[in-house]
């Protein structure tokens, strides 16, 4: 039962992450709107490489520190800080200030990789997922690979979805009124997630 409860929690967190657009989603959306869906193939390839690198690194670090509750607690709160910054960013961001004029080149693999290392939202969710659910999902490498396979599959499908949506609605997020309202709603959802994770607290080792 613990395994399936953890699996459900991972999917719930991913669901919240996917309905609150972050840098990856917005980049795929806007890039496809400017250059067409096919232009996102190398960009998403880079995103996958960067994502797998970060998730494996964090997973192995968490697994190494598995016998140190203090270290896991610190990692948990690092993720919480990243998430809090994302909440503030959602409320303060004005999408109408996005300027796509004068863009001359398409984004490729290198940009997709580098984006992952400065993506605060991604770091927040990866740290929280790995620090809380490796053990319930089998522990060690099995737990890491389980989380990685689920998140990669779901997130890649979402990026493909954002790509085709961007080709149809390229000006939606940059609209002065509608765009800002979308980001405020996303900020509320992330804030509710933050409160839920605060009440849950760091993972407790047995």
C-alpha atoms as a PDB file:
ATOM      1  CA  UNK A   1       0.000   0.000   0.000  1.00  0.00           C
ATOM      2  CA  UNK A   2       2.869   2.377   0.788  1.00  0.00           C
ATOM      3  CA  UNK A   3       4.207   1.893  -2.741  1.00  0.00           C
ATOM      4  CA  UNK A   4       0.909   2.821  -4.389  1.00  0.00           C
ATOM      5  CA  UNK A   5       0.354   5.741  -2.017  1.00  0.00           C
ATOM      6  CA  UNK A   6       3.794   7.087  -2.946  1.00  0.00           C
ATOM      7  CA  UNK A   7       3.072   6.517  -6.633  1.00  0.00           C
ATOM      8  CA  UNK A   8      -0.161   8.463  -6.301  1.00  0.00           C
ATOM      9  CA  UNK A   9       1.660  11.302  -4.540  1.00  0.00           C
ATOM     10  CA  UNK A  10       4.293  11.470  -7.291  1.00  0.00           C
ATOM     11  CA  UNK A  11       1.590  11.635  -9.971  1.00  0.00           C
ATOM     12  CA  UNK A  12      -0.293  14.316  -8.005  1.00  0.00           C
ATOM     13  CA  UNK A  13       2.840  16.466  -7.708  1.00  0.00           C
ATOM     14  CA  UNK A  14       3.537  15.999 -11.419  1.00  0.00           C
ATOM     15  CA  UNK A  15      -0.014  16.983 -12.247  1.00  0.00           C
ATOM     16  CA  UNK A  16       0.338  20.217 -10.296  1.00  0.00           C
ATOM     17  CA  UNK A  17       3.723  20.852 -11.881  1.00  0.00           C
ATOM     18  CA  UNK A  18       2.345  20.401 -15.389  1.00  0.00           C
ATOM     19  CA  UNK A  19      -0.662  22.712 -15.012  1.00  0.00           C
ATOM     20  CA  UNK A  20       1.578  25.498 -13.706  1.00  0.00           C
ATOM     21  CA  UNK A  21       3.668  26.482 -16.748  1.00  0.00           C
ATOM     22  CA  UNK A  22       7.369  26.804 -16.047  1.00  0.00           C
ATOM     23  CA  UNK A  23      10.367  27.701 -18.232  1.00  0.00           C
ATOM     24  CA  UNK A  24      10.301  24.443 -20.210  1.00  0.00           C
ATOM     25  CA  UNK A  25       6.594  24.621 -21.025  1.00  0.00           C
ATOM     26  CA  UNK A  26       6.643  28.309 -21.915  1.00  0.00           C
ATOM     27  CA  UNK A  27       9.767  27.934 -24.064  1.00  0.00           C
ATOM     28  CA  UNK A  28       8.274  25.024 -26.003  1.00  0.00           C
ATOM     29  CA  UNK A  29       5.018  26.947 -26.354  1.00  0.00           C
ATOM     30  CA  UNK A  30       6.587  30.190 -27.612  1.00  0.00           C
ATOM     31  CA  UNK A  31       9.280  28.529 -29.735  1.00  0.00           C
ATOM     32  CA  UNK A  32       6.731  26.379 -31.569  1.00  0.00           C
ATOM     33  CA  UNK A  33       4.576  29.466 -32.093  1.00  0.00           C
ATOM     34  CA  UNK A  34       7.463  31.293 -33.754  1.00  0.00           C
ATOM     35  CA  UNK A  35       9.148  28.492 -35.716  1.00  0.00           C
ATOM     36  CA  UNK A  36       6.671  25.605 -35.877  1.00  0.00           C
ATOM     37  CA  UNK A  37       6.405  22.298 -33.967  1.00  0.00           C
ATOM     38  CA  UNK A  38       9.333  20.565 -35.703  1.00  0.00           C
ATOM     39  CA  UNK A  39      11.756  23.244 -34.487  1.00  0.00           C
ATOM     40  CA  UNK A  40      11.212  21.982 -30.919  1.00  0.00           C
ATOM     41  CA  UNK A  41      12.702  18.521 -31.565  1.00  0.00           C
ATOM     42  CA  UNK A  42      16.359  19.453 -30.825  1.00  0.00           C
ATOM     43  CA  UNK A  43      15.255  21.793 -28.028  1.00  0.00           C
ATOM     44  CA  UNK A  44      13.285  19.027 -26.299  1.00  0.00           C
ATOM     45  CA  UNK A  45      16.169  16.617 -26.873  1.00  0.00           C
ATOM     46  CA  UNK A  46      18.405  18.959 -24.895  1.00  0.00           C
ATOM     47  CA  UNK A  47      15.753  19.342 -22.213  1.00  0.00           C
ATOM     48  CA  UNK A  48      15.601  15.558 -21.794  1.00  0.00           C
ATOM     49  CA  UNK A  49      19.390  15.273 -21.483  1.00  0.00           C
ATOM     50  CA  UNK A  50      19.529  18.051 -18.893  1.00  0.00           C
ATOM     51  CA  UNK A  51      16.519  16.729 -16.994  1.00  0.00           C
ATOM     52  CA  UNK A  52      17.901  13.185 -16.753  1.00  0.00           C
ATOM     53  CA  UNK A  53      21.285  14.550 -15.619  1.00  0.00           C
ATOM     54  CA  UNK A  54      19.731  16.626 -12.840  1.00  0.00           C
ATOM     55  CA  UNK A  55      17.285  13.963 -11.692  1.00  0.00           C
ATOM     56  CA  UNK A  56      19.931  11.227 -11.545  1.00  0.00           C
ATOM     57  CA  UNK A  57      22.374  13.530  -9.736  1.00  0.00           C
ATOM     58  CA  UNK A  58      19.821  14.586  -7.127  1.00  0.00           C
ATOM     59  CA  UNK A  59      18.566  11.014  -6.749  1.00  0.00           C
ATOM     60  CA  UNK A  60      22.046   9.611  -6.165  1.00  0.00           C
ATOM     61  CA  UNK A  61      22.813  12.416  -3.710  1.00  0.00           C
ATOM     62  CA  UNK A  62      19.615  11.774  -1.749  1.00  0.00           C
ATOM     63  CA  UNK A  63      20.308   8.031  -1.761  1.00  0.00           C
ATOM     64  CA  UNK A  64      23.852   8.635  -0.481  1.00  0.00           C
ATOM     65  CA  UNK A  65      22.473  10.787   2.348  1.00  0.00           C
ATOM     66  CA  UNK A  66      19.694   8.323   3.124  1.00  0.00           C
ATOM     67  CA  UNK A  67      21.069   7.599   6.604  1.00  0.00           C
ATOM     68  CA  UNK A  68      21.273  11.293   7.472  1.00  0.00           C
ATOM     69  CA  UNK A  69      17.859  12.747   8.398  1.00  0.00           C
ATOM     70  CA  UNK A  70      19.435  16.178   8.833  1.00  0.00           C
ATOM     71  CA  UNK A  71      20.825  16.211   5.284  1.00  0.00           C
ATOM     72  CA  UNK A  72      17.501  15.085   3.815  1.00  0.00           C
ATOM     73  CA  UNK A  73      15.707  17.769   5.801  1.00  0.00           C
ATOM     74  CA  UNK A  74      18.093  20.395   4.422  1.00  0.00           C
ATOM     75  CA  UNK A  75      17.467  19.164   0.861  1.00  0.00           C
ATOM     76  CA  UNK A  76      13.720  19.272   1.487  1.00  0.00           C
ATOM     77  CA  UNK A  77      13.885  22.901   2.596  1.00  0.00           C
ATOM     78  CA  UNK A  78      16.103  23.845  -0.351  1.00  0.00           C
ATOM     79  CA  UNK A  79      13.335  22.535  -2.589  1.00  0.00           C
ATOM     80  CA  UNK A  80      10.762  24.466  -0.565  1.00  0.00           C
ATOM     81  CA  UNK A  81      12.751  27.691  -0.981  1.00  0.00           C
ATOM     82  CA  UNK A  82      12.964  27.192  -4.752  1.00  0.00           C
ATOM     83  CA  UNK A  83       9.215  26.550  -4.836  1.00  0.00           C
ATOM     84  CA  UNK A  84       8.468  29.672  -2.758  1.00  0.00           C
ATOM     85  CA  UNK A  85      10.531  31.750  -5.188  1.00  0.00           C
ATOM     86  CA  UNK A  86       8.515  30.288  -8.062  1.00  0.00           C
ATOM     87  CA  UNK A  87       5.277  31.320  -6.318  1.00  0.00           C
ATOM     88  CA  UNK A  88       6.534  34.899  -5.960  1.00  0.00           C
ATOM     89  CA  UNK A  89       7.702  34.878  -9.562  1.00  0.00           C
ATOM     90  CA  UNK A  90       4.278  33.779 -10.815  1.00  0.00           C
ATOM     91  CA  UNK A  91       2.558  36.696  -9.085  1.00  0.00           C
ATOM     92  CA  UNK A  92       5.134  39.301 -10.128  1.00  0.00           C
ATOM     93  CA  UNK A  93       5.667  38.200 -13.732  1.00  0.00           C
ATOM     94  CA  UNK A  94       4.062  40.291 -16.473  1.00  0.00           C
ATOM     95  CA  UNK A  95       3.829  38.112 -19.611  1.00  0.00           C
ATOM     96  CA  UNK A  96       2.971  41.085 -21.812  1.00  0.00           C
ATOM     97  CA  UNK A  97       6.612  42.204 -21.464  1.00  0.00           C
ATOM     98  CA  UNK A  98       7.844  39.165 -23.420  1.00  0.00           C
ATOM     99  CA  UNK A  99       9.436  40.414 -26.627  1.00  0.00           C
ATOM    100  CA  UNK A 100       9.729  37.903 -29.457  1.00  0.00           C
ATOM    101  CA  UNK A 101      10.623  40.472 -32.084  1.00  0.00           C
ATOM    102  CA  UNK A 102      13.997  40.196 -33.755  1.00  0.00           C
ATOM    103  CA  UNK A 103      14.515  36.527 -32.916  1.00  0.00           C
ATOM    104  CA  UNK A 104      16.656  35.203 -35.728  1.00  0.00           C
ATOM    105  CA  UNK A 105      17.712  31.718 -34.703  1.00  0.00           C
ATOM    106  CA  UNK A 106      16.015  28.635 -33.341  1.00  0.00           C
ATOM    107  CA  UNK A 107      16.883  27.207 -29.935  1.00  0.00           C
ATOM    108  CA  UNK A 108      18.701  23.888 -30.001  1.00  0.00           C
ATOM    109  CA  UNK A 109      20.115  21.069 -27.895  1.00  0.00           C
ATOM    110  CA  UNK A 110      22.652  23.148 -25.954  1.00  0.00           C
ATOM    111  CA  UNK A 111      20.046  25.686 -24.893  1.00  0.00           C
ATOM    112  CA  UNK A 112      17.672  22.888 -23.843  1.00  0.00           C
ATOM    113  CA  UNK A 113      20.386  21.339 -21.639  1.00  0.00           C
ATOM    114  CA  UNK A 114      21.516  24.609 -20.057  1.00  0.00           C
ATOM    115  CA  UNK A 115      17.942  25.668 -19.293  1.00  0.00           C
ATOM    116  CA  UNK A 116      17.522  22.769 -16.888  1.00  0.00           C
ATOM    117  CA  UNK A 117      20.343  23.899 -14.633  1.00  0.00           C
ATOM    118  CA  UNK A 118      18.785  27.338 -14.071  1.00  0.00           C
ATOM    119  CA  UNK A 119      15.195  26.103 -13.860  1.00  0.00           C
ATOM    120  CA  UNK A 120      14.202  26.763 -10.234  1.00  0.00           C
ATOM    121  CA  UNK A 121      10.845  25.047 -10.595  1.00  0.00           C
ATOM    122  CA  UNK A 122      12.492  21.867 -11.853  1.00  0.00           C
ATOM    123  CA  UNK A 123      15.037  21.823  -9.026  1.00  0.00           C
ATOM    124  CA  UNK A 124      12.232  22.310  -6.492  1.00  0.00           C
ATOM    125  CA  UNK A 125      10.130  19.405  -7.730  1.00  0.00           C
ATOM    126  CA  UNK A 126      13.070  17.049  -8.328  1.00  0.00           C
ATOM    127  CA  UNK A 127      14.485  17.634  -4.839  1.00  0.00           C
ATOM    128  CA  UNK A 128      11.071  17.188  -3.201  1.00  0.00           C
ATOM    129  CA  UNK A 129      10.252  14.051  -5.212  1.00  0.00           C
ATOM    130  CA  UNK A 130      13.606  12.390  -4.621  1.00  0.00           C
ATOM    131  CA  UNK A 131      13.900  13.293  -0.944  1.00  0.00           C
ATOM    132  CA  UNK A 132      10.405  12.003  -0.156  1.00  0.00           C
ATOM    133  CA  UNK A 133       9.677   9.057  -2.437  1.00  0.00           C
ATOM    134  CA  UNK A 134      12.842   7.070  -3.259  1.00  0.00           C
ATOM    135  CA  UNK A 135      12.388   4.743  -0.290  1.00  0.00           C
ATOM    136  CA  UNK A 136       8.620   4.104  -0.675  1.00  0.00           C
ATOM    137  CA  UNK A 137       9.157   3.324  -4.370  1.00  0.00           C
ATOM    138  CA  UNK A 138      11.707   0.575  -3.793  1.00  0.00           C
ATOM    139  CA  UNK A 139      14.708   2.413  -2.398  1.00  0.00           C
ATOM    140  CA  UNK A 140      18.143   2.914  -3.930  1.00  0.00           C
ATOM    141  CA  UNK A 141      18.586   2.790  -7.679  1.00  0.00           C
ATOM    142  CA  UNK A 142      15.179   1.160  -8.140  1.00  0.00           C
ATOM    143  CA  UNK A 143      13.418   4.069  -6.463  1.00  0.00           C
ATOM    144  CA  UNK A 144      15.453   6.620  -8.407  1.00  0.00           C
ATOM    145  CA  UNK A 145      14.780   4.971 -11.762  1.00  0.00           C
ATOM    146  CA  UNK A 146      11.079   4.568 -10.946  1.00  0.00           C
ATOM    147  CA  UNK A 147      10.728   8.291 -10.252  1.00  0.00           C
ATOM    148  CA  UNK A 148      12.880   9.150 -13.275  1.00  0.00           C
ATOM    149  CA  UNK A 149      10.907   6.970 -15.684  1.00  0.00           C
ATOM    150  CA  UNK A 150       7.553   8.335 -14.489  1.00  0.00           C
ATOM    151  CA  UNK A 151       8.564  11.996 -14.498  1.00  0.00           C
ATOM    152  CA  UNK A 152      10.419  11.799 -17.810  1.00  0.00           C
ATOM    153  CA  UNK A 153       7.511  10.080 -19.582  1.00  0.00           C
ATOM    154  CA  UNK A 154       4.901  12.473 -18.227  1.00  0.00           C
ATOM    155  CA  UNK A 155       6.984  15.623 -18.717  1.00  0.00           C
ATOM    156  CA  UNK A 156       8.040  14.703 -22.262  1.00  0.00           C
ATOM    157  CA  UNK A 157       4.397  14.094 -23.187  1.00  0.00           C
ATOM    158  CA  UNK A 158       3.540  17.475 -21.672  1.00  0.00           C
ATOM    159  CA  UNK A 159       6.287  19.240 -23.646  1.00  0.00           C
ATOM    160  CA  UNK A 160       4.927  17.703 -26.850  1.00  0.00           C
ATOM    161  CA  UNK A 161       1.464  18.923 -25.874  1.00  0.00           C
ATOM    162  CA  UNK A 162       2.732  22.457 -25.151  1.00  0.00           C
ATOM    163  CA  UNK A 163       4.526  22.403 -28.509  1.00  0.00           C
ATOM    164  CA  UNK A 164       1.409  21.702 -30.542  1.00  0.00           C
ATOM    165  CA  UNK A 165      -0.649  24.060 -28.400  1.00  0.00           C
ATOM    166  CA  UNK A 166       1.928  26.789 -28.990  1.00  0.00           C
ATOM    167  CA  UNK A 167       1.614  26.360 -32.732  1.00  0.00           C
ATOM    168  CA  UNK A 168      -2.092  27.187 -32.391  1.00  0.00           C
ATOM    169  CA  UNK A 169      -2.132  29.771 -29.582  1.00  0.00           C
ATOM    170  CA  UNK A 170       1.218  31.510 -29.811  1.00  0.00           C
ATOM    171  CA  UNK A 171      -0.082  34.846 -28.443  1.00  0.00           C
ATOM    172  CA  UNK A 172      -2.145  33.532 -25.529  1.00  0.00           C
ATOM    173  CA  UNK A 173       0.376  33.813 -22.676  1.00  0.00           C
ATOM    174  CA  UNK A 174       1.668  37.173 -23.847  1.00  0.00           C
ATOM    175  CA  UNK A 175      -1.787  38.767 -23.789  1.00  0.00           C
ATOM    176  CA  UNK A 176      -1.758  41.662 -21.303  1.00  0.00           C
ATOM    177  CA  UNK A 177      -4.897  40.562 -19.396  1.00  0.00           C
ATOM    178  CA  UNK A 178      -5.399  36.848 -20.037  1.00  0.00           C
ATOM    179  CA  UNK A 179      -1.711  36.013 -19.728  1.00  0.00           C
ATOM    180  CA  UNK A 180      -1.319  37.737 -16.374  1.00  0.00           C
ATOM    181  CA  UNK A 181      -4.446  36.053 -15.010  1.00  0.00           C
ATOM    182  CA  UNK A 182      -3.137  32.621 -16.027  1.00  0.00           C
ATOM    183  CA  UNK A 183       0.119  33.209 -14.163  1.00  0.00           C
ATOM    184  CA  UNK A 184      -1.740  34.424 -11.059  1.00  0.00           C
ATOM    185  CA  UNK A 185      -3.859  31.262 -11.036  1.00  0.00           C
ATOM    186  CA  UNK A 186      -0.682  29.205 -11.390  1.00  0.00           C
ATOM    187  CA  UNK A 187       0.804  31.141  -8.468  1.00  0.00           C
ATOM    188  CA  UNK A 188      -2.193  30.233  -6.294  1.00  0.00           C
ATOM    189  CA  UNK A 189      -1.882  26.544  -7.220  1.00  0.00           C
ATOM    190  CA  UNK A 190       1.837  26.514  -6.433  1.00  0.00           C
ATOM    191  CA  UNK A 191       1.169  28.329  -3.148  1.00  0.00           C
ATOM    192  CA  UNK A 192      -1.389  25.680  -2.146  1.00  0.00           C
ATOM    193  CA  UNK A 193       1.145  22.969  -3.011  1.00  0.00           C
ATOM    194  CA  UNK A 194       3.752  24.754  -0.875  1.00  0.00           C
ATOM    195  CA  UNK A 195       1.366  24.852   2.088  1.00  0.00           C
ATOM    196  CA  UNK A 196       0.572  21.157   1.643  1.00  0.00           C
ATOM    197  CA  UNK A 197       4.262  20.234   1.567  1.00  0.00           C
ATOM    198  CA  UNK A 198       4.870  22.472   4.589  1.00  0.00           C
ATOM    199  CA  UNK A 199       2.205  20.635   6.580  1.00  0.00           C
ATOM    200  CA  UNK A 200       3.590  17.262   5.451  1.00  0.00           C
ATOM    201  CA  UNK A 201       7.159  18.192   6.374  1.00  0.00           C
ATOM    202  CA  UNK A 202      10.330  16.360   5.278  1.00  0.00           C
ATOM    203  CA  UNK A 203      10.278  12.631   4.705  1.00  0.00           C
ATOM    204  CA  UNK A 204      10.630  10.657   7.929  1.00  0.00           C
ATOM    205  CA  UNK A 205      13.054   7.749   7.819  1.00  0.00           C
ATOM    206  CA  UNK A 206      12.120   4.567   9.620  1.00  0.00           C
END
